[in-house]
Amino acid sequence: KAVVSILLSRTMINVSFLPRYRLSQILSRRNFTYGSLHRLDSIPDDVSALVQKYAHHPQRSISLQTLLQTGRGELLNKTYSETVISGEEHHATDLVLMQVANFLHREIPVRLAHRIEDLDQVPYLSEMKSVKQVKQTYIDSFLEFIDMPTIQTPEGEEKFAIRLQQLYEKHAGVLMQMARGAFELRAKQSNKVLDFQDMQETQRFLDRFYMSRIGIRVIVGQYLALREPPADGWIGLIYDKVSPTAIVRQAAEDATLICNRKYGDAPEVQITGNIDLTFPYLPDHLHYILLELIKNSMRATMDWCGVDNVLPPVKVIIADGSENEDVVIKVSDEGGGIQRSNMNKIWSYLYTTADPSVQEGMIVFNSSDHSTESPLAGLGYGLPISRSYAKYFGGDVDVMSMEGYGTDAFVYLPRLGDSKEP
């Protein structure tokens, strides 16, 4: 275990929860148990009241710096219930992990409740089968969380961590399920032209949903990772010397595998700039972003140039200086560019240039979020999700294109990491 104090006592939510006997009544109702939850198409009134009660409270935002500082034990002078944590490492570790576990015990239901309300009310998507399944998964997890006892002992914390790990794994495929929901909506509207201006509310919902999901998986994943034996340079999910060059190489290797599977060939990836740069970040997030961008560039290059022609390389430039506000990574291709009329659509979860047969195949495709088994272009969420990963800690992704030539994609990642969750 590593010493962790992710969340301070002053961030604890002072919520008056329903009595446990009332919760037991809800969970024991006929036709409403964990096992039967998947058969429900709407939220029962008593569960809806619970959801609304928790959704009334805002989430508590954290920053990358907070994760780093607490993971290093720099905030051990902070207290839980005004009890000073001692200097003994093993004792402090137990107390701090109990503190974090209790925060998650209170915070995660609040975040889940917000998303359940959104999933129930979002126009169009709420009627899709896959989205209903996601909503029911969230209800199941919400009820399981609020039925867990407060953590008061190291043994209780360990039991909580086991149950949390199970829920963490249970939600691994939610991103794919929501993407299927977007496909189902497009299929339902196959005889109509989707008006993306009229779909702005759905787009805003998806931005909120995916950003919240990233946040939940970061704080839960950080807690679970900090319970593992410490590894050199790692602070939970964060590596203090992430090399963009190494991440680009791995992402290029994964993208090449995917591209070769579809086209039988792939363009070379060239890396220039500050190749020796390292900085603290979450490697998985950066890999996801770069994989999506390089994947898109390879596909565009193959479609524009053709399999039997000379393929121009995909160029990746890493820019950073000691005075720079951001670490900036540019992914550049000569894949023909994007029509100006389509530039706004590339950030929509309901827009994809993939062949309909590929999209249909994804309906039965079973994968976790970051799998390299997925097709080169699938259900149309890769680019907007990449931007959400960058924005989570105050960064961004931007795209500039020259139709008839190629596209430049820019990844901005703040150096200081002091931006809080949106």
Foldseek 3Di string as FASTA:
>chain_A
DFQFQLDFQVQADPADADDLVVLVCQQPDPCHHLVNLLVDLADDPVLLVRLVSLLVDDADWGFPVSLVCRLNVVVQCGDHVPDRQDPDGVRNRLRSLLNLLQRCLNRVLSLLSNLLVLLCDQPQLVPFSLSSNVSSLSSSVSSVSPNQDRDDGSVSSVVSLVVLVVSLVVCQASVLSSLLSLVVSCVVCVVHDDDVVVNVSVQVSVLSVLLSVVVSNVSSQQSSQSVDPDDPQDRRQKGAWDFLLVLLVVLLVLLQVQLCVVQVGWAAEAEDEPRRGTGIDRSVLSSLLNNLLRLVQGVLQCVQQHNPGDTDHWYKYWYDDPPDQWTKIKTKHFSQWDDPVCQVVLLGLNDWPDDSVLQVVSSPDGDGDRDSPHHSTYSRHSNNSSQSSLPQQPWGKDKDIDGGTIIMIMTTHGRVRRRIGD
